[in-house]
Amino acid sequence: MNRTLLTILMFAFLLLFVTSPFAALASLMLILLVAAFLSLVGNVFQAIISGNTDPNKS
C-alpha cells in the first residue's frame, strides 16, 4: 500500500510541475506525465486486484 500512496503523491507533484508557469521543457514534462499516469493506473489496479503492491517480495 505504501508504494501505491507514494506513486499517487509523485503523480500529484508531477501535475504541479507541469502546470507551473515556469515549467521548462513542457513537451518533455507532458511525456513524463503520461508515463507517470500509466504507472499510477497500473499500481492502483495491482493494489485493487491482488492486494500485493510490491511485486519484488516473495
PDB file of N, CA and C in Angstrom:
ATOM      1  N   MET A   1       0.822  -1.197   0.000  1.00  0.00           N
ATOM      2  CA  MET A   1       0.000   0.000   0.000  1.00  0.00           C
ATOM      3  C   MET A   1       0.866   1.261   0.000  1.00  0.00           C
ATOM      4  N   ASN A   2       2.038   1.184   0.614  1.00  0.00           N
ATOM      5  CA  ASN A   2       2.917   2.354   0.643  1.00  0.00           C
ATOM      6  C   ASN A   2       3.370   2.743  -0.756  1.00  0.00           C
ATOM      7  N   ARG A   3       3.611   1.728  -1.600  1.00  0.00           N
ATOM      8  CA  ARG A   3       4.052   2.008  -2.961  1.00  0.00           C
ATOM      9  C   ARG A   3       2.959   2.745  -3.733  1.00  0.00           C
ATOM     10  N   THR A   4       1.714   2.348  -3.538  1.00  0.00           N
ATOM     11  CA  THR A   4       0.601   3.000  -4.221  1.00  0.00           C
ATOM     12  C   THR A   4       0.441   4.442  -3.748  1.00  0.00           C
ATOM     13  N   LEU A   5       0.533   4.666  -2.459  1.00  0.00           N
ATOM     14  CA  LEU A   5       0.420   6.024  -1.930  1.00  0.00           C
ATOM     15  C   LEU A   5       1.581   6.908  -2.396  1.00  0.00           C
ATOM     16  N   LEU A   6       2.774   6.331  -2.453  1.00  0.00           N
ATOM     17  CA  LEU A   6       3.935   7.078  -2.936  1.00  0.00           C
ATOM     18  C   LEU A   6       3.768   7.442  -4.410  1.00  0.00           C
ATOM     19  N   THR A   7       3.234   6.526  -5.204  1.00  0.00           N
ATOM     20  CA  THR A   7       3.012   6.800  -6.619  1.00  0.00           C
ATOM     21  C   THR A   7       1.975   7.895  -6.807  1.00  0.00           C
ATOM     22  N   ILE A   8       0.921   7.884  -6.014  1.00  0.00           N
ATOM     23  CA  ILE A   8      -0.101   8.927  -6.104  1.00  0.00           C
ATOM     24  C   ILE A   8       0.487  10.282  -5.722  1.00  0.00           C
ATOM     25  N   LEU A   9       1.310  10.306  -4.688  1.00  0.00           N
ATOM     26  CA  LEU A   9       1.944  11.549  -4.266  1.00  0.00           C
ATOM     27  C   LEU A   9       2.903  12.077  -5.336  1.00  0.00           C
ATOM     28  N   MET A  10       3.691  11.187  -5.936  1.00  0.00           N
ATOM     29  CA  MET A  10       4.609  11.604  -7.002  1.00  0.00           C
ATOM     30  C   MET A  10       3.834  12.127  -8.213  1.00  0.00           C
ATOM     31  N   PHE A  11       2.704  11.501  -8.529  1.00  0.00           N
ATOM     32  CA  PHE A  11       1.886  11.961  -9.649  1.00  0.00           C
ATOM     33  C   PHE A  11       1.317  13.349  -9.359  1.00  0.00           C
ATOM     34  N   ALA A  12       0.907  13.595  -8.130  1.00  0.00           N
ATOM     35  CA  ALA A  12       0.374  14.909  -7.767  1.00  0.00           C
ATOM     36  C   ALA A  12       1.458  15.984  -7.887  1.00  0.00           C
ATOM     37  N   PHE A  13       2.676  15.682  -7.431  1.00  0.00           N
ATOM     38  CA  PHE A  13       3.767  16.649  -7.577  1.00  0.00           C
ATOM     39  C   PHE A  13       4.119  16.880  -9.040  1.00  0.00           C
ATOM     40  N   LEU A  14       4.060  15.822  -9.853  1.00  0.00           N
ATOM     41  CA  LEU A  14       4.345  15.978 -11.272  1.00  0.00           C
ATOM     42  C   LEU A  14       3.296  16.866 -11.933  1.00  0.00           C
ATOM     43  N   LEU A  15       2.042  16.734 -11.524  1.00  0.00           N
ATOM     44  CA  LEU A  15       0.997  17.627 -12.042  1.00  0.00           C
ATOM     45  C   LEU A  15       1.284  19.078 -11.682  1.00  0.00           C
ATOM     46  N   LEU A  16       1.773  19.301 -10.466  1.00  0.00           N
ATOM     47  CA  LEU A  16       2.126  20.663 -10.061  1.00  0.00           C
ATOM     48  C   LEU A  16       3.264  21.210 -10.907  1.00  0.00           C
ATOM     49  N   PHE A  17       4.258  20.379 -11.199  1.00  0.00           N
ATOM     50  CA  PHE A  17       5.388  20.827 -12.010  1.00  0.00           C
ATOM     51  C   PHE A  17       4.964  21.150 -13.433  1.00  0.00           C
ATOM     52  N   VAL A  18       4.066  20.342 -14.001  1.00  0.00           N
ATOM     53  CA  VAL A  18       3.635  20.555 -15.382  1.00  0.00           C
ATOM     54  C   VAL A  18       2.808  21.827 -15.493  1.00  0.00           C
ATOM     55  N   THR A  19       1.971  22.087 -14.514  1.00  0.00           N
ATOM     56  CA  THR A  19       1.080  23.243 -14.592  1.00  0.00           C
ATOM     57  C   THR A  19       1.696  24.520 -14.039  1.00  0.00           C
ATOM     58  N   SER A  20       2.913  24.437 -13.520  1.00  0.00           N
ATOM     59  CA  SER A  20       3.530  25.651 -13.001  1.00  0.00           C
ATOM     60  C   SER A  20       3.893  26.595 -14.151  1.00  0.00           C
ATOM     61  N   PRO A  21       3.847  27.899 -13.928  1.00  0.00           N
ATOM     62  CA  PRO A  21       4.112  28.845 -15.020  1.00  0.00           C
ATOM     63  C   PRO A  21       5.570  28.850 -15.471  1.00  0.00           C
ATOM     64  N   PHE A  22       6.475  28.287 -14.692  1.00  0.00           N
ATOM     65  CA  PHE A  22       7.884  28.297 -15.039  1.00  0.00           C
ATOM     66  C   PHE A  22       8.387  26.929 -15.481  1.00  0.00           C
ATOM     67  N   ALA A  23       7.477  26.071 -15.952  1.00  0.00           N
ATOM     68  CA  ALA A  23       7.866  24.721 -16.359  1.00  0.00           C
ATOM     69  C   ALA A  23       8.671  24.770 -17.651  1.00  0.00           C
ATOM     70  N   ALA A  24       9.932  24.403 -17.537  1.00  0.00           N
ATOM     71  CA  ALA A  24      10.793  24.347 -18.721  1.00  0.00           C
ATOM     72  C   ALA A  24      10.612  22.995 -19.389  1.00  0.00           C
ATOM     73  N   LEU A  25      10.856  22.940 -20.657  1.00  0.00           N
ATOM     74  CA  LEU A  25      10.747  21.710 -21.434  1.00  0.00           C
ATOM     75  C   LEU A  25       9.356  21.082 -21.271  1.00  0.00           C
ATOM     76  N   ALA A  26       8.338  21.857 -21.586  1.00  0.00           N
ATOM     77  CA  ALA A  26       6.958  21.447 -21.345  1.00  0.00           C
ATOM     78  C   ALA A  26       6.587  20.168 -22.090  1.00  0.00           C
ATOM     79  N   SER A  27       7.081  19.980 -23.299  1.00  0.00           N
ATOM     80  CA  SER A  27       6.717  18.762 -24.028  1.00  0.00           C
ATOM     81  C   SER A  27       7.318  17.527 -23.363  1.00  0.00           C
ATOM     82  N   LEU A  28       8.542  17.645 -22.850  1.00  0.00           N
ATOM     83  CA  LEU A  28       9.145  16.535 -22.130  1.00  0.00           C
ATOM     84  C   LEU A  28       8.372  16.250 -20.847  1.00  0.00           C
ATOM     85  N   MET A  29       7.909  17.296 -20.189  1.00  0.00           N
ATOM     86  CA  MET A  29       7.132  17.104 -18.968  1.00  0.00           C
ATOM     87  C   MET A  29       5.798  16.421 -19.271  1.00  0.00           C
ATOM     88  N   LEU A  30       5.209  16.695 -20.437  1.00  0.00           N
ATOM     89  CA  LEU A  30       3.968  16.023 -20.794  1.00  0.00           C
ATOM     90  C   LEU A  30       4.198  14.534 -21.041  1.00  0.00           C
ATOM     91  N   ILE A  31       5.329  14.181 -21.625  1.00  0.00           N
ATOM     92  CA  ILE A  31       5.658  12.767 -21.807  1.00  0.00           C
ATOM     93  C   ILE A  31       5.838  12.097 -20.449  1.00  0.00           C
ATOM     94  N   LEU A  32       6.512  12.795 -19.538  1.00  0.00           N
ATOM     95  CA  LEU A  32       6.657  12.272 -18.182  1.00  0.00           C
ATOM     96  C   LEU A  32       5.307  12.120 -17.486  1.00  0.00           C
ATOM     97  N   LEU A  33       4.411  13.046 -17.740  1.00  0.00           N
ATOM     98  CA  LEU A  33       3.076  12.989 -17.147  1.00  0.00           C
ATOM     99  C   LEU A  33       2.319  11.757 -17.624  1.00  0.00           C
ATOM    100  N   VAL A  34       2.390  11.458 -18.910  1.00  0.00           N
ATOM    101  CA  VAL A  34       1.718  10.276 -19.453  1.00  0.00           C
ATOM    102  C   VAL A  34       2.323   9.009 -18.855  1.00  0.00           C
ATOM    103  N   ALA A  35       3.641   8.948 -18.772  1.00  0.00           N
ATOM    104  CA  ALA A  35       4.302   7.773 -18.198  1.00  0.00           C
ATOM    105  C   ALA A  35       3.930   7.595 -16.724  1.00  0.00           C
ATOM    106  N   ALA A  36       3.887   8.683 -15.981  1.00  0.00           N
ATOM    107  CA  ALA A  36       3.523   8.605 -14.561  1.00  0.00           C
ATOM    108  C   ALA A  36       2.073   8.194 -14.391  1.00  0.00           C
ATOM    109  N   PHE A  37       1.197   8.673 -15.273  1.00  0.00           N
ATOM    110  CA  PHE A  37      -0.216   8.297 -15.194  1.00  0.00           C
ATOM    111  C   PHE A  37      -0.390   6.804 -15.451  1.00  0.00           C
ATOM    112  N   LEU A  38       0.314   6.272 -16.444  1.00  0.00           N
ATOM    113  CA  LEU A  38       0.212   4.838 -16.727  1.00  0.00           C
ATOM    114  C   LEU A  38       0.758   4.011 -15.568  1.00  0.00           C
ATOM    115  N   SER A  39       1.839   4.478 -14.958  1.00  0.00           N
ATOM    116  CA  SER A  39       2.388   3.786 -13.796  1.00  0.00           C
ATOM    117  C   SER A  39       1.411   3.843 -12.621  1.00  0.00           C
ATOM    118  N   LEU A  40       0.787   4.986 -12.432  1.00  0.00           N
ATOM    119  CA  LEU A  40      -0.198   5.143 -11.358  1.00  0.00           C
ATOM    120  C   LEU A  40      -1.380   4.205 -11.556  1.00  0.00           C
ATOM    121  N   VAL A  41      -1.898   4.149 -12.768  1.00  0.00           N
ATOM    122  CA  VAL A  41      -3.032   3.272 -13.053  1.00  0.00           C
ATOM    123  C   VAL A  41      -2.650   1.813 -12.816  1.00  0.00           C
ATOM    124  N   GLY A  42      -1.461   1.429 -13.255  1.00  0.00           N
ATOM    125  CA  GLY A  42      -1.009   0.053 -13.038  1.00  0.00           C
ATOM    126  C   GLY A  42      -0.883  -0.290 -11.569  1.00  0.00           C
ATOM    127  N   ASN A  43      -0.327   0.618 -10.780  1.00  0.00           N
ATOM    128  CA  ASN A  43      -0.174   0.360  -9.348  1.00  0.00           C
ATOM    129  C   ASN A  43      -1.514   0.305  -8.631  1.00  0.00           C
ATOM    130  N   VAL A  44      -2.438   1.171  -9.016  1.00  0.00           N
ATOM    131  CA  VAL A  44      -3.753   1.165  -8.372  1.00  0.00           C
ATOM    132  C   VAL A  44      -4.498  -0.122  -8.709  1.00  0.00           C
ATOM    133  N   PHE A  45      -4.460  -0.549  -9.976  1.00  0.00           N
ATOM    134  CA  PHE A  45      -5.110  -1.805 -10.342  1.00  0.00           C
ATOM    135  C   PHE A  45      -4.470  -2.990  -9.632  1.00  0.00           C
ATOM    136  N   GLN A  46      -3.155  -2.960  -9.487  1.00  0.00           N
ATOM    137  CA  GLN A  46      -2.478  -4.045  -8.781  1.00  0.00           C
ATOM    138  C   GLN A  46      -2.899  -4.076  -7.315  1.00  0.00           C
ATOM    139  N   ALA A  47      -3.063  -2.918  -6.705  1.00  0.00           N
ATOM    140  CA  ALA A  47      -3.489  -2.865  -5.304  1.00  0.00           C
ATOM    141  C   ALA A  47      -4.933  -3.333  -5.157  1.00  0.00           C
ATOM    142  N   ILE A  48      -5.778  -2.997  -6.123  1.00  0.00           N
ATOM    143  CA  ILE A  48      -7.189  -3.388  -6.049  1.00  0.00           C
ATOM    144  C   ILE A  48      -7.356  -4.882  -6.300  1.00  0.00           C
ATOM    145  N   ILE A  49      -6.693  -5.387  -7.330  1.00  0.00           N
ATOM    146  CA  ILE A  49      -6.916  -6.770  -7.745  1.00  0.00           C
ATOM    147  C   ILE A  49      -6.234  -7.766  -6.813  1.00  0.00           C
ATOM    148  N   SER A  50      -4.935  -7.591  -6.561  1.00  0.00           N
ATOM    149  CA  SER A  50      -4.216  -8.627  -5.818  1.00  0.00           C
ATOM    150  C   SER A  50      -3.919  -8.254  -4.378  1.00  0.00           C
ATOM    151  N   GLY A  51      -3.870  -6.968  -4.077  1.00  0.00           N
ATOM    152  CA  GLY A  51      -3.508  -6.549  -2.738  1.00  0.00           C
ATOM    153  C   GLY A  51      -2.013  -6.550  -2.513  1.00  0.00           C
ATOM    154  N   ASN A  52      -1.246  -7.134  -3.435  1.00  0.00           N
ATOM    155  CA  ASN A  52       0.212  -7.165  -3.327  1.00  0.00           C
ATOM    156  C   ASN A  52       0.771  -5.980  -4.093  1.00  0.00           C
ATOM    157  N   THR A  53       1.257  -4.975  -3.374  1.00  0.00           N
ATOM    158  CA  THR A  53       1.740  -3.766  -4.043  1.00  0.00           C
ATOM    159  C   THR A  53       3.242  -3.777  -4.257  1.00  0.00           C
ATOM    160  N   ASP A  54       3.925  -4.812  -3.810  1.00  0.00           N
ATOM    161  CA  ASP A  54       5.362  -4.916  -4.024  1.00  0.00           C
ATOM    162  C   ASP A  54       5.649  -6.241  -4.723  1.00  0.00           C
ATOM    163  N   PRO A  55       5.722  -6.228  -6.065  1.00  0.00           N
ATOM    164  CA  PRO A  55       5.885  -7.490  -6.793  1.00  0.00           C
ATOM    165  C   PRO A  55       7.252  -8.136  -6.580  1.00  0.00           C
ATOM    166  N   ASN A  56       8.234  -7.424  -6.017  1.00  0.00           N
ATOM    167  CA  ASN A  56       9.556  -7.991  -5.796  1.00  0.00           C
ATOM    168  C   ASN A  56       9.614  -8.861  -4.545  1.00  0.00           C
ATOM    169  N   LYS A  57       8.660  -8.698  -3.652  1.00  0.00           N
ATOM    170  CA  LYS A  57       8.625  -9.537  -2.452  1.00  0.00           C
ATOM    171  C   LYS A  57       8.105 -10.915  -2.820  1.00  0.00           C
ATOM    172  N   SER A  58       8.573 -11.912  -2.100  1.00  0.00           N
ATOM    173  CA  SER A  58       8.090 -13.275  -2.384  1.00  0.00           C
ATOM    174  C   SER A  58       7.087 -13.710  -1.340  1.00  0.00           C
TER     175      SER A  58
END
